[in-house]
PDB file of all heavy atoms in Angstrom:
ATOM      1  N   GLU A   1       2.941 -18.263 -16.528  1.00  0.00           N
ATOM      2  CA  GLU A   1       2.410 -17.802 -17.809  1.00  0.00           C
ATOM      3  C   GLU A   1       1.843 -18.930 -18.641  1.00  0.00           C
ATOM      4  O   GLU A   1       0.780 -18.855 -19.238  1.00  0.00           O
ATOM      5  CB  GLU A   1       3.507 -17.102 -18.604  1.00  0.00           C
ATOM      6  CG  GLU A   1       3.791 -15.630 -18.154  1.00  0.00           C
ATOM      7  CD  GLU A   1       4.534 -14.862 -19.220  1.00  0.00           C
ATOM      8  OE1 GLU A   1       5.592 -15.348 -19.611  1.00  0.00           O
ATOM      9  OE2 GLU A   1       4.070 -13.786 -19.589  1.00  0.00           O
ATOM     10  N   GLU A   2       2.546 -20.017 -18.692  1.00  0.00           N
ATOM     11  CA  GLU A   2       2.181 -21.164 -19.445  1.00  0.00           C
ATOM     12  C   GLU A   2       0.844 -21.716 -18.968  1.00  0.00           C
ATOM     13  O   GLU A   2      -0.115 -22.055 -19.717  1.00  0.00           O
ATOM     14  CB  GLU A   2       3.247 -22.304 -19.438  1.00  0.00           C
ATOM     15  CG  GLU A   2       3.068 -23.379 -20.482  1.00  0.00           C
ATOM     16  CD  GLU A   2       3.144 -22.870 -21.899  1.00  0.00           C
ATOM     17  OE1 GLU A   2       3.984 -21.927 -22.140  1.00  0.00           O
ATOM     18  OE2 GLU A   2       2.426 -23.405 -22.803  1.00  0.00           O
ATOM     19  N   SER A   3       0.694 -21.815 -17.606  1.00  0.00           N
ATOM     20  CA  SER A   3      -0.533 -22.271 -16.996  1.00  0.00           C
ATOM     21  C   SER A   3      -1.726 -21.312 -17.351  1.00  0.00           C
ATOM     22  O   SER A   3      -2.757 -21.764 -17.601  1.00  0.00           O
ATOM     23  CB  SER A   3      -0.314 -22.390 -15.515  1.00  0.00           C
ATOM     24  OG  SER A   3      -1.495 -22.752 -14.885  1.00  0.00           O
ATOM     25  N   TYR A   4      -1.437 -20.068 -17.244  1.00  0.00           N
ATOM     26  CA  TYR A   4      -2.491 -19.024 -17.518  1.00  0.00           C
ATOM     27  C   TYR A   4      -2.986 -19.159 -18.997  1.00  0.00           C
ATOM     28  O   TYR A   4      -4.133 -19.182 -19.274  1.00  0.00           O
ATOM     29  CB  TYR A   4      -1.995 -17.656 -17.229  1.00  0.00           C
ATOM     30  CG  TYR A   4      -3.013 -16.549 -17.497  1.00  0.00           C
ATOM     31  CD1 TYR A   4      -3.892 -16.218 -16.531  1.00  0.00           C
ATOM     32  CD2 TYR A   4      -3.083 -15.887 -18.699  1.00  0.00           C
ATOM     33  CE1 TYR A   4      -4.860 -15.222 -16.693  1.00  0.00           C
ATOM     34  CE2 TYR A   4      -3.996 -14.907 -18.970  1.00  0.00           C
ATOM     35  CZ  TYR A   4      -4.866 -14.552 -17.959  1.00  0.00           C
ATOM     36  OH  TYR A   4      -5.830 -13.561 -18.170  1.00  0.00           O
ATOM     37  N   LEU A   5      -2.012 -19.284 -19.942  1.00  0.00           N
ATOM     38  CA  LEU A   5      -2.347 -19.229 -21.318  1.00  0.00           C
ATOM     39  C   LEU A   5      -3.063 -20.503 -21.744  1.00  0.00           C
ATOM     40  O   LEU A   5      -3.878 -20.498 -22.729  1.00  0.00           O
ATOM     41  CB  LEU A   5      -1.099 -19.070 -22.189  1.00  0.00           C
ATOM     42  CG  LEU A   5      -0.373 -17.686 -22.044  1.00  0.00           C
ATOM     43  CD1 LEU A   5       0.937 -17.694 -22.688  1.00  0.00           C
ATOM     44  CD2 LEU A   5      -1.275 -16.615 -22.596  1.00  0.00           C
ATOM     45  N   ARG A   6      -2.827 -21.572 -21.047  1.00  0.00           N
ATOM     46  CA  ARG A   6      -3.484 -22.893 -21.337  1.00  0.00           C
ATOM     47  C   ARG A   6      -4.831 -23.021 -20.670  1.00  0.00           C
ATOM     48  O   ARG A   6      -5.623 -23.847 -21.008  1.00  0.00           O
ATOM     49  CB  ARG A   6      -2.610 -24.038 -20.954  1.00  0.00           C
ATOM     50  CG  ARG A   6      -1.350 -24.177 -21.860  1.00  0.00           C
ATOM     51  CD  ARG A   6      -0.586 -25.402 -21.421  1.00  0.00           C
ATOM     52  NE  ARG A   6       0.588 -25.667 -22.300  1.00  0.00           N
ATOM     53  CZ  ARG A   6       1.372 -26.685 -22.176  1.00  0.00           C
ATOM     54  NH1 ARG A   6       1.214 -27.575 -21.139  1.00  0.00           N
ATOM     55  NH2 ARG A   6       2.397 -26.810 -22.959  1.00  0.00           N
ATOM     56  N   SER A   7      -5.093 -22.209 -19.642  1.00  0.00           N
ATOM     57  CA  SER A   7      -6.306 -22.384 -18.842  1.00  0.00           C
ATOM     58  C   SER A   7      -7.536 -21.826 -19.573  1.00  0.00           C
ATOM     59  O   SER A   7      -7.471 -20.968 -20.411  1.00  0.00           O
ATOM     60  CB  SER A   7      -6.167 -21.670 -17.526  1.00  0.00           C
ATOM     61  OG  SER A   7      -6.065 -20.288 -17.744  1.00  0.00           O
ATOM     62  N   SER A   8      -8.671 -22.390 -19.178  1.00  0.00           N
ATOM     63  CA  SER A   8      -9.982 -21.955 -19.752  1.00  0.00           C
ATOM     64  C   SER A   8     -10.990 -22.077 -18.645  1.00  0.00           C
ATOM     65  O   SER A   8     -11.358 -23.274 -18.272  1.00  0.00           O
ATOM     66  CB  SER A   8     -10.347 -22.760 -20.950  1.00  0.00           C
ATOM     67  OG  SER A   8     -11.564 -22.192 -21.490  1.00  0.00           O
ATOM     68  N   PRO A   9     -11.492 -21.071 -18.039  1.00  0.00           N
ATOM     69  CA  PRO A   9     -11.194 -19.686 -18.394  1.00  0.00           C
ATOM     70  C   PRO A   9      -9.795 -19.264 -17.940  1.00  0.00           C
ATOM     71  O   PRO A   9      -9.140 -20.031 -17.213  1.00  0.00           O
ATOM     72  CB  PRO A   9     -12.266 -18.870 -17.577  1.00  0.00           C
ATOM     73  CG  PRO A   9     -12.485 -19.770 -16.360  1.00  0.00           C
ATOM     74  CD  PRO A   9     -12.441 -21.187 -16.905  1.00  0.00           C
ATOM     75  N   LYS A  10      -9.351 -18.125 -18.311  1.00  0.00           N
ATOM     76  CA  LYS A  10      -8.017 -17.632 -18.066  1.00  0.00           C
ATOM     77  C   LYS A  10      -7.896 -17.268 -16.609  1.00  0.00           C
ATOM     78  O   LYS A  10      -8.415 -16.216 -16.166  1.00  0.00           O
ATOM     79  CB  LYS A  10      -7.660 -16.462 -18.968  1.00  0.00           C
ATOM     80  CG  LYS A  10      -7.540 -16.809 -20.430  1.00  0.00           C
ATOM     81  CD  LYS A  10      -6.177 -17.538 -20.658  1.00  0.00           C
ATOM     82  CE  LYS A  10      -5.949 -17.852 -22.138  1.00  0.00           C
ATOM     83  NZ  LYS A  10      -6.804 -18.857 -22.631  1.00  0.00           N
ATOM     84  N   LEU A  11      -7.183 -18.114 -15.862  1.00  0.00           N
ATOM     85  CA  LEU A  11      -7.105 -17.880 -14.365  1.00  0.00           C
ATOM     86  C   LEU A  11      -5.903 -18.728 -13.828  1.00  0.00           C
ATOM     87  O   LEU A  11      -5.774 -19.886 -14.170  1.00  0.00           O
ATOM     88  CB  LEU A  11      -8.422 -18.336 -13.711  1.00  0.00           C
ATOM     89  CG  LEU A  11      -8.590 -18.089 -12.213  1.00  0.00           C
ATOM     90  CD1 LEU A  11     -10.123 -18.022 -11.900  1.00  0.00           C
ATOM     91  CD2 LEU A  11      -8.002 -19.199 -11.363  1.00  0.00           C
ATOM     92  N   VAL A  12      -5.201 -18.114 -12.916  1.00  0.00           N
ATOM     93  CA  VAL A  12      -4.156 -18.872 -12.256  1.00  0.00           C
ATOM     94  C   VAL A  12      -3.933 -18.260 -10.858  1.00  0.00           C
ATOM     95  O   VAL A  12      -4.158 -17.002 -10.654  1.00  0.00           O
ATOM     96  CB  VAL A  12      -2.769 -18.770 -13.075  1.00  0.00           C
ATOM     97  CG1 VAL A  12      -2.254 -17.323 -13.085  1.00  0.00           C
ATOM     98  CG2 VAL A  12      -1.739 -19.669 -12.541  1.00  0.00           C
ATOM     99  N   VAL A  13      -3.604 -19.108  -9.924  1.00  0.00           N
ATOM    100  CA  VAL A  13      -3.300 -18.657  -8.495  1.00  0.00           C
ATOM    101  C   VAL A  13      -1.856 -18.693  -8.203  1.00  0.00           C
ATOM    102  O   VAL A  13      -1.167 -19.646  -8.565  1.00  0.00           O
ATOM    103  CB  VAL A  13      -4.056 -19.587  -7.485  1.00  0.00           C
ATOM    104  CG1 VAL A  13      -3.738 -19.216  -6.097  1.00  0.00           C
ATOM    105  CG2 VAL A  13      -5.593 -19.499  -7.724  1.00  0.00           C
ATOM    106  N   ILE A  14      -1.346 -17.573  -7.634  1.00  0.00           N
ATOM    107  CA  ILE A  14       0.057 -17.433  -7.284  1.00  0.00           C
ATOM    108  C   ILE A  14       0.200 -17.281  -5.815  1.00  0.00           C
ATOM    109  O   ILE A  14      -0.180 -16.197  -5.308  1.00  0.00           O
ATOM    110  CB  ILE A  14       0.715 -16.262  -8.070  1.00  0.00           C
ATOM    111  CG1 ILE A  14       0.433 -16.341  -9.563  1.00  0.00           C
ATOM    112  CG2 ILE A  14       2.185 -16.252  -7.806  1.00  0.00           C
ATOM    113  CD1 ILE A  14       0.831 -15.059 -10.292  1.00  0.00           C
ATOM    114  N   ASP A  15       0.764 -18.223  -5.134  1.00  0.00           N
ATOM    115  CA  ASP A  15       0.992 -18.069  -3.678  1.00  0.00           C
ATOM    116  C   ASP A  15       2.383 -17.499  -3.406  1.00  0.00           C
ATOM    117  O   ASP A  15       3.273 -17.492  -4.339  1.00  0.00           O
ATOM    118  CB  ASP A  15       0.854 -19.393  -2.990  1.00  0.00           C
ATOM    119  CG  ASP A  15      -0.660 -19.799  -2.760  1.00  0.00           C
ATOM    120  OD1 ASP A  15      -1.435 -18.813  -2.541  1.00  0.00           O
ATOM    121  OD2 ASP A  15      -0.978 -20.963  -2.928  1.00  0.00           O
ATOM    122  N   ASN A  16       2.644 -16.987  -2.260  1.00  0.00           N
ATOM    123  CA  ASN A  16       3.842 -16.292  -1.935  1.00  0.00           C
ATOM    124  C   ASN A  16       4.138 -15.183  -2.987  1.00  0.00           C
ATOM    125  O   ASN A  16       5.260 -15.086  -3.485  1.00  0.00           O
ATOM    126  CB  ASN A  16       5.018 -17.213  -1.829  1.00  0.00           C
ATOM    127  CG  ASN A  16       4.790 -18.305  -0.723  1.00  0.00           C
ATOM    128  OD1 ASN A  16       4.393 -17.964   0.368  1.00  0.00           O
ATOM    129  ND2 ASN A  16       4.928 -19.570  -1.159  1.00  0.00           N
ATOM    130  N   PHE A  17       3.137 -14.423  -3.258  1.00  0.00           N
ATOM    131  CA  PHE A  17       3.207 -13.502  -4.415  1.00  0.00           C
ATOM    132  C   PHE A  17       4.212 -12.366  -4.203  1.00  0.00           C
ATOM    133  O   PHE A  17       4.970 -12.106  -5.104  1.00  0.00           O
ATOM    134  CB  PHE A  17       1.814 -12.918  -4.611  1.00  0.00           C
ATOM    135  CG  PHE A  17       1.740 -11.825  -5.748  1.00  0.00           C
ATOM    136  CD1 PHE A  17       2.061 -12.178  -7.020  1.00  0.00           C
ATOM    137  CD2 PHE A  17       1.239 -10.585  -5.436  1.00  0.00           C
ATOM    138  CE1 PHE A  17       1.987 -11.172  -7.986  1.00  0.00           C
ATOM    139  CE2 PHE A  17       1.136  -9.638  -6.428  1.00  0.00           C
ATOM    140  CZ  PHE A  17       1.554  -9.913  -7.722  1.00  0.00           C
ATOM    141  N   LEU A  18       4.188 -11.745  -3.060  1.00  0.00           N
ATOM    142  CA  LEU A  18       5.155 -10.666  -2.777  1.00  0.00           C
ATOM    143  C   LEU A  18       6.287 -11.095  -1.912  1.00  0.00           C
ATOM    144  O   LEU A  18       6.215 -12.105  -1.175  1.00  0.00           O
ATOM    145  CB  LEU A  18       4.396  -9.540  -2.041  1.00  0.00           C
ATOM    146  CG  LEU A  18       3.145  -8.946  -2.709  1.00  0.00           C
ATOM    147  CD1 LEU A  18       2.603  -7.773  -1.828  1.00  0.00           C
ATOM    148  CD2 LEU A  18       3.575  -8.308  -4.051  1.00  0.00           C
ATOM    149  N   SER A  19       7.406 -10.450  -2.059  1.00  0.00           N
ATOM    150  CA  SER A  19       8.479 -10.681  -1.163  1.00  0.00           C
ATOM    151  C   SER A  19       8.107 -10.288   0.184  1.00  0.00           C
ATOM    152  O   SER A  19       7.152  -9.469   0.408  1.00  0.00           O
ATOM    153  CB  SER A  19       9.700  -9.832  -1.555  1.00  0.00           C
ATOM    154  OG  SER A  19       9.501  -8.488  -1.383  1.00  0.00           O
ATOM    155  N   ALA A  20       8.778 -10.783   1.244  1.00  0.00           N
ATOM    156  CA  ALA A  20       8.443 -10.471   2.636  1.00  0.00           C
ATOM    157  C   ALA A  20       8.493  -8.993   2.934  1.00  0.00           C
ATOM    158  O   ALA A  20       7.594  -8.400   3.564  1.00  0.00           O
ATOM    159  CB  ALA A  20       9.320 -11.249   3.593  1.00  0.00           C
ATOM    160  N   ALA A  21       9.485  -8.295   2.352  1.00  0.00           N
ATOM    161  CA  ALA A  21       9.642  -6.840   2.633  1.00  0.00           C
ATOM    162  C   ALA A  21       8.524  -6.116   1.896  1.00  0.00           C
ATOM    163  O   ALA A  21       8.000  -5.159   2.459  1.00  0.00           O
ATOM    164  CB  ALA A  21      11.009  -6.401   2.044  1.00  0.00           C
ATOM    165  N   ALA A  22       8.153  -6.455   0.727  1.00  0.00           N
ATOM    166  CA  ALA A  22       7.100  -5.791  -0.027  1.00  0.00           C
ATOM    167  C   ALA A  22       5.748  -5.971   0.673  1.00  0.00           C
ATOM    168  O   ALA A  22       4.962  -5.029   0.775  1.00  0.00           O
ATOM    169  CB  ALA A  22       6.999  -6.277  -1.449  1.00  0.00           C
ATOM    170  N   LEU A  23       5.464  -7.230   1.156  1.00  0.00           N
ATOM    171  CA  LEU A  23       4.213  -7.459   1.857  1.00  0.00           C
ATOM    172  C   LEU A  23       4.112  -6.616   3.075  1.00  0.00           C
ATOM    173  O   LEU A  23       3.048  -5.999   3.343  1.00  0.00           O
ATOM    174  CB  LEU A  23       4.104  -8.959   2.203  1.00  0.00           C
ATOM    175  CG  LEU A  23       2.911  -9.390   3.010  1.00  0.00           C
ATOM    176  CD1 LEU A  23       1.667  -9.134   2.252  1.00  0.00           C
ATOM    177  CD2 LEU A  23       3.026 -10.891   3.376  1.00  0.00           C
ATOM    178  N   ALA A  24       5.182  -6.528   3.889  1.00  0.00           N
ATOM    179  CA  ALA A  24       5.160  -5.780   5.145  1.00  0.00           C
ATOM    180  C   ALA A  24       4.974  -4.284   4.837  1.00  0.00           C
ATOM    181  O   ALA A  24       4.227  -3.624   5.547  1.00  0.00           O
ATOM    182  CB  ALA A  24       6.438  -6.014   5.895  1.00  0.00           C
ATOM    183  N   SER A  25       5.692  -3.773   3.769  1.00  0.00           N
ATOM    184  CA  SER A  25       5.545  -2.342   3.483  1.00  0.00           C
ATOM    185  C   SER A  25       4.191  -1.998   3.048  1.00  0.00           C
ATOM    186  O   SER A  25       3.614  -0.993   3.408  1.00  0.00           O
ATOM    187  CB  SER A  25       6.602  -2.015   2.378  1.00  0.00           C
ATOM    188  OG  SER A  25       6.526  -0.663   2.034  1.00  0.00           O
ATOM    189  N   LEU A  26       3.592  -2.782   2.119  1.00  0.00           N
ATOM    190  CA  LEU A  26       2.244  -2.510   1.624  1.00  0.00           C
ATOM    191  C   LEU A  26       1.181  -2.636   2.672  1.00  0.00           C
ATOM    192  O   LEU A  26       0.273  -1.782   2.831  1.00  0.00           O
ATOM    193  CB  LEU A  26       1.935  -3.450   0.448  1.00  0.00           C
ATOM    194  CG  LEU A  26       0.666  -3.156  -0.286  1.00  0.00           C
ATOM    195  CD1 LEU A  26       0.632  -1.780  -0.890  1.00  0.00           C
ATOM    196  CD2 LEU A  26       0.447  -4.181  -1.424  1.00  0.00           C
ATOM    197  N   ARG A  27       1.341  -3.649   3.554  1.00  0.00           N
ATOM    198  CA  ARG A  27       0.373  -3.817   4.582  1.00  0.00           C
ATOM    199  C   ARG A  27       0.415  -2.627   5.568  1.00  0.00           C
ATOM    200  O   ARG A  27      -0.661  -2.096   5.985  1.00  0.00           O
ATOM    201  CB  ARG A  27       0.664  -5.098   5.375  1.00  0.00           C
ATOM    202  CG  ARG A  27      -0.305  -5.368   6.557  1.00  0.00           C
ATOM    203  CD  ARG A  27       0.079  -6.574   7.315  1.00  0.00           C
ATOM    204  NE  ARG A  27      -0.021  -7.804   6.602  1.00  0.00           N
ATOM    205  CZ  ARG A  27       0.606  -8.970   6.830  1.00  0.00           C
ATOM    206  NH1 ARG A  27       1.384  -8.986   7.811  1.00  0.00           N
ATOM    207  NH2 ARG A  27       0.414  -9.969   6.125  1.00  0.00           N
ATOM    208  N   GLU A  28       1.609  -2.193   5.905  1.00  0.00           N
ATOM    209  CA  GLU A  28       1.699  -1.018   6.829  1.00  0.00           C
ATOM    210  C   GLU A  28       1.097   0.222   6.205  1.00  0.00           C
ATOM    211  O   GLU A  28       0.333   0.960   6.952  1.00  0.00           O
ATOM    212  CB  GLU A  28       3.196  -0.733   7.207  1.00  0.00           C
ATOM    213  CG  GLU A  28       3.426   0.362   8.160  1.00  0.00           C
ATOM    214  CD  GLU A  28       4.908   0.550   8.497  1.00  0.00           C
ATOM    215  OE1 GLU A  28       5.479  -0.444   8.940  1.00  0.00           O
ATOM    216  OE2 GLU A  28       5.385   1.654   8.410  1.00  0.00           O
ATOM    217  N   TYR A  29       1.338   0.431   4.947  1.00  0.00           N
ATOM    218  CA  TYR A  29       0.698   1.597   4.269  1.00  0.00           C
ATOM    219  C   TYR A  29      -0.862   1.501   4.311  1.00  0.00           C
ATOM    220  O   TYR A  29      -1.503   2.489   4.647  1.00  0.00           O
ATOM    221  CB  TYR A  29       1.206   1.728   2.832  1.00  0.00           C
ATOM    222  CG  TYR A  29       0.709   3.002   2.118  1.00  0.00           C
ATOM    223  CD1 TYR A  29       1.508   4.163   2.193  1.00  0.00           C
ATOM    224  CD2 TYR A  29      -0.504   3.021   1.419  1.00  0.00           C
ATOM    225  CE1 TYR A  29       1.053   5.293   1.629  1.00  0.00           C
ATOM    226  CE2 TYR A  29      -0.921   4.154   0.828  1.00  0.00           C
ATOM    227  CZ  TYR A  29      -0.154   5.344   0.920  1.00  0.00           C
ATOM    228  OH  TYR A  29      -0.564   6.484   0.278  1.00  0.00           O
ATOM    229  N   CYS A  30      -1.364   0.325   4.026  1.00  0.00           N
ATOM    230  CA  CYS A  30      -2.793   0.209   3.989  1.00  0.00           C
ATOM    231  C   CYS A  30      -3.388   0.324   5.364  1.00  0.00           C
ATOM    232  O   CYS A  30      -4.521   0.816   5.527  1.00  0.00           O
ATOM    233  CB  CYS A  30      -3.192  -1.185   3.383  1.00  0.00           C
ATOM    234  SG  CYS A  30      -2.917  -1.273   1.618  1.00  0.00           S
ATOM    235  N   GLU A  31      -2.657  -0.113   6.419  1.00  0.00           N
ATOM    236  CA  GLU A  31      -3.206   0.041   7.782  1.00  0.00           C
ATOM    237  C   GLU A  31      -3.179   1.545   8.242  1.00  0.00           C
ATOM    238  O   GLU A  31      -4.073   1.911   8.886  1.00  0.00           O
ATOM    239  CB  GLU A  31      -2.380  -0.800   8.710  1.00  0.00           C
ATOM    240  CG  GLU A  31      -2.587  -2.332   8.600  1.00  0.00           C
ATOM    241  CD  GLU A  31      -1.682  -3.120   9.503  1.00  0.00           C
ATOM    242  OE1 GLU A  31      -0.675  -2.514  10.070  1.00  0.00           O
ATOM    243  OE2 GLU A  31      -1.886  -4.337   9.620  1.00  0.00           O
ATOM    244  N   GLU A  32      -2.123   2.268   7.830  1.00  0.00           N
ATOM    245  CA  GLU A  32      -1.873   3.537   8.436  1.00  0.00           C
ATOM    246  C   GLU A  32      -2.324   4.748   7.557  1.00  0.00           C
ATOM    247  O   GLU A  32      -2.726   5.743   8.143  1.00  0.00           O
ATOM    248  CB  GLU A  32      -0.400   3.679   8.739  1.00  0.00           C
ATOM    249  CG  GLU A  32       0.047   2.659   9.797  1.00  0.00           C
ATOM    250  CD  GLU A  32       1.532   2.762  10.150  1.00  0.00           C
ATOM    251  OE1 GLU A  32       2.225   3.595   9.535  1.00  0.00           O
ATOM    252  OE2 GLU A  32       1.948   2.120  11.165  1.00  0.00           O
ATOM    253  N   ALA A  33      -2.141   4.705   6.262  1.00  0.00           N
ATOM    254  CA  ALA A  33      -2.487   5.874   5.429  1.00  0.00           C
ATOM    255  C   ALA A  33      -3.993   6.184   5.478  1.00  0.00           C
ATOM    256  O   ALA A  33      -4.794   5.295   5.167  1.00  0.00           O
ATOM    257  CB  ALA A  33      -1.989   5.629   4.060  1.00  0.00           C
ATOM    258  N   THR A  34      -4.341   7.377   5.774  1.00  0.00           N
ATOM    259  CA  THR A  34      -5.783   7.749   5.873  1.00  0.00           C
ATOM    260  C   THR A  34      -6.300   8.251   4.499  1.00  0.00           C
ATOM    261  O   THR A  34      -6.745   9.366   4.380  1.00  0.00           O
ATOM    262  CB  THR A  34      -5.961   8.852   6.915  1.00  0.00           C
ATOM    263  OG1 THR A  34      -5.168   9.965   6.647  1.00  0.00           O
ATOM    264  CG2 THR A  34      -5.559   8.318   8.321  1.00  0.00           C
ATOM    265  N   VAL A  35      -6.237   7.321   3.590  1.00  0.00           N
ATOM    266  CA  VAL A  35      -6.615   7.592   2.231  1.00  0.00           C
ATOM    267  C   VAL A  35      -7.893   6.847   1.785  1.00  0.00           C
ATOM    268  O   VAL A  35      -8.249   6.850   0.579  1.00  0.00           O
ATOM    269  CB  VAL A  35      -5.473   7.338   1.212  1.00  0.00           C
ATOM    270  CG1 VAL A  35      -4.314   8.260   1.508  1.00  0.00           C
ATOM    271  CG2 VAL A  35      -5.069   5.849   1.281  1.00  0.00           C
ATOM    272  N   TRP A  36      -8.555   6.219   2.733  1.00  0.00           N
ATOM    273  CA  TRP A  36      -9.710   5.410   2.444  1.00  0.00           C
ATOM    274  C   TRP A  36     -10.985   6.260   2.445  1.00  0.00           C
ATOM    275  O   TRP A  36     -11.751   6.243   3.383  1.00  0.00           O
ATOM    276  CB  TRP A  36      -9.803   4.267   3.416  1.00  0.00           C
ATOM    277  CG  TRP A  36      -8.530   3.491   3.473  1.00  0.00           C
ATOM    278  CD1 TRP A  36      -7.399   3.749   4.175  1.00  0.00           C
ATOM    279  CD2 TRP A  36      -8.269   2.239   2.759  1.00  0.00           C
ATOM    280  NE1 TRP A  36      -6.442   2.783   3.956  1.00  0.00           N
ATOM    281  CE2 TRP A  36      -6.994   1.872   3.083  1.00  0.00           C
ATOM    282  CE3 TRP A  36      -9.078   1.459   1.843  1.00  0.00           C
ATOM    283  CZ2 TRP A  36      -6.383   0.703   2.546  1.00  0.00           C
ATOM    284  CZ3 TRP A  36      -8.466   0.309   1.376  1.00  0.00           C
ATOM    285  CH2 TRP A  36      -7.146  -0.069   1.672  1.00  0.00           C
ATOM    286  N   LYS A  37     -11.173   6.956   1.340  1.00  0.00           N
ATOM    287  CA  LYS A  37     -12.298   7.944   1.317  1.00  0.00           C
ATOM    288  C   LYS A  37     -13.529   7.530   0.662  1.00  0.00           C
ATOM    289  O   LYS A  37     -14.516   8.279   0.573  1.00  0.00           O
ATOM    290  CB  LYS A  37     -11.764   9.265   0.710  1.00  0.00           C
ATOM    291  CG  LYS A  37     -10.560   9.896   1.477  1.00  0.00           C
ATOM    292  CD  LYS A  37     -10.856  10.123   2.935  1.00  0.00           C
ATOM    293  CE  LYS A  37      -9.694  10.744   3.739  1.00  0.00           C
ATOM    294  NZ  LYS A  37      -9.901  10.787   5.139  1.00  0.00           N
ATOM    295  N   SER A  38     -13.514   6.357   0.014  1.00  0.00           N
ATOM    296  CA  SER A  38     -14.708   5.864  -0.682  1.00  0.00           C
ATOM    297  C   SER A  38     -15.366   4.764   0.182  1.00  0.00           C
ATOM    298  O   SER A  38     -14.664   3.834   0.672  1.00  0.00           O
ATOM    299  CB  SER A  38     -14.368   5.265  -2.066  1.00  0.00           C
ATOM    300  OG  SER A  38     -13.837   6.265  -2.884  1.00  0.00           O
ATOM    301  N   SER A  39     -16.642   4.889   0.462  1.00  0.00           N
ATOM    302  CA  SER A  39     -17.331   3.852   1.212  1.00  0.00           C
ATOM    303  C   SER A  39     -18.501   3.340   0.413  1.00  0.00           C
ATOM    304  O   SER A  39     -19.059   4.081  -0.448  1.00  0.00           O
ATOM    305  CB  SER A  39     -17.807   4.416   2.550  1.00  0.00           C
ATOM    306  OG  SER A  39     -18.615   5.586   2.335  1.00  0.00           O
ATOM    307  N   PHE A  40     -18.820   2.049   0.599  1.00  0.00           N
ATOM    308  CA  PHE A  40     -19.770   1.369  -0.244  1.00  0.00           C
ATOM    309  C   PHE A  40     -20.866   0.722   0.600  1.00  0.00           C
ATOM    310  O   PHE A  40     -20.744   0.511   1.766  1.00  0.00           O
ATOM    311  CB  PHE A  40     -19.079   0.356  -1.114  1.00  0.00           C
ATOM    312  CG  PHE A  40     -17.986   0.905  -2.052  1.00  0.00           C
ATOM    313  CD1 PHE A  40     -16.693   1.115  -1.580  1.00  0.00           C
ATOM    314  CD2 PHE A  40     -18.279   1.352  -3.263  1.00  0.00           C
ATOM    315  CE1 PHE A  40     -15.702   1.708  -2.336  1.00  0.00           C
ATOM    316  CE2 PHE A  40     -17.343   1.910  -4.142  1.00  0.00           C
ATOM    317  CZ  PHE A  40     -16.065   2.119  -3.595  1.00  0.00           C
TER     318      PHE A  40
END
């Protein structure tokens, strides 16, 4: 937060953002759920 508030422009990079369990769960959903109905 401190880094973000001091930055100009407002930007910060966060590595290891998700827990291992959350990353695996979200990746599996994105790979498998057939909800990708918008194409560009």
